[in-house]
Amino acid sequence: MRELLEADVLIVIAGREGALPTVVAGLVDTPVIGVPVAIAAGRD
């Protein structure tokens, strides 16, 4: 968590629902860039 709080910007990769960037943005004061992906990680 300390590394997240010290970052200048966070890039969050999220599945189709896109909820993860919103959750992360609620935890930090830095800008969050959400990148949608069509397939969730680990589901190849």
C-alpha atoms as a PDB file:
ATOM      1  CA  MET A   1       0.000   0.000   0.000  1.00  0.00           C
ATOM      2  CA  ARG A   2       2.881   2.363   0.729  1.00  0.00           C
ATOM      3  CA  GLU A   3       4.092   2.089  -2.884  1.00  0.00           C
ATOM      4  CA  LEU A   4       0.612   2.957  -4.129  1.00  0.00           C
ATOM      5  CA  LEU A   5       0.416   6.000  -1.884  1.00  0.00           C
ATOM      6  CA  GLU A   6       3.861   7.241  -3.009  1.00  0.00           C
ATOM      7  CA  ALA A   7       3.112   6.963  -6.746  1.00  0.00           C
ATOM      8  CA  ASP A   8       2.532  10.060  -8.897  1.00  0.00           C
ATOM      9  CA  VAL A   9      -0.110   8.287 -10.990  1.00  0.00           C
ATOM     10  CA  LEU A  10      -1.615   4.788 -11.012  1.00  0.00           C
ATOM     11  CA  ILE A  11      -2.547   2.799 -14.098  1.00  0.00           C
ATOM     12  CA  VAL A  12      -5.097   0.134 -13.205  1.00  0.00           C
ATOM     13  CA  ILE A  13      -5.909  -2.687 -15.607  1.00  0.00           C
ATOM     14  CA  ALA A  14      -9.463  -3.933 -15.120  1.00  0.00           C
ATOM     15  CA  GLY A  15     -11.788  -6.509 -16.594  1.00  0.00           C
ATOM     16  CA  ARG A  16     -15.020  -5.682 -18.347  1.00  0.00           C
ATOM     17  CA  GLU A  17     -16.883  -4.551 -15.248  1.00  0.00           C
ATOM     18  CA  GLY A  18     -14.294  -1.803 -14.615  1.00  0.00           C
ATOM     19  CA  ALA A  19     -14.864  -1.639 -10.856  1.00  0.00           C
ATOM     20  CA  LEU A  20     -11.197  -1.924  -9.835  1.00  0.00           C
ATOM     21  CA  PRO A  21     -10.111   1.610 -10.877  1.00  0.00           C
ATOM     22  CA  THR A  22     -12.994   3.078  -8.883  1.00  0.00           C
ATOM     23  CA  VAL A  23     -12.013   1.117  -5.780  1.00  0.00           C
ATOM     24  CA  VAL A  24      -8.349   2.114  -6.108  1.00  0.00           C
ATOM     25  CA  ALA A  25      -9.272   5.766  -6.680  1.00  0.00           C
ATOM     26  CA  GLY A  26     -11.192   5.702  -3.407  1.00  0.00           C
ATOM     27  CA  LEU A  27      -8.051   4.600  -1.552  1.00  0.00           C
ATOM     28  CA  VAL A  28      -5.483   7.042  -2.938  1.00  0.00           C
ATOM     29  CA  ASP A  29      -5.202  10.782  -3.595  1.00  0.00           C
ATOM     30  CA  THR A  30      -3.261  10.421  -6.860  1.00  0.00           C
ATOM     31  CA  PRO A  31      -4.764  10.304 -10.359  1.00  0.00           C
ATOM     32  CA  VAL A  32      -5.929   6.857 -11.473  1.00  0.00           C
ATOM     33  CA  ILE A  33      -6.063   5.819 -15.120  1.00  0.00           C
ATOM     34  CA  GLY A  34      -8.345   2.843 -15.735  1.00  0.00           C
ATOM     35  CA  VAL A  35      -7.546   0.640 -18.733  1.00  0.00           C
ATOM     36  CA  PRO A  36     -10.292  -1.779 -19.762  1.00  0.00           C
ATOM     37  CA  VAL A  37      -9.376  -5.208 -21.116  1.00  0.00           C
ATOM     38  CA  ALA A  38     -11.637  -7.683 -22.855  1.00  0.00           C
ATOM     39  CA  ILE A  39     -10.329 -10.750 -20.997  1.00  0.00           C
ATOM     40  CA  ALA A  40      -9.627 -10.972 -17.270  1.00  0.00           C
ATOM     41  CA  ALA A  41      -6.081 -11.974 -16.336  1.00  0.00           C
ATOM     42  CA  GLY A  42      -5.580 -15.670 -15.722  1.00  0.00           C
ATOM     43  CA  ARG A  43      -8.550 -16.780 -17.810  1.00  0.00           C
ATOM     44  CA  ASP A  44      -6.755 -17.749 -21.022  1.00  0.00           C
END
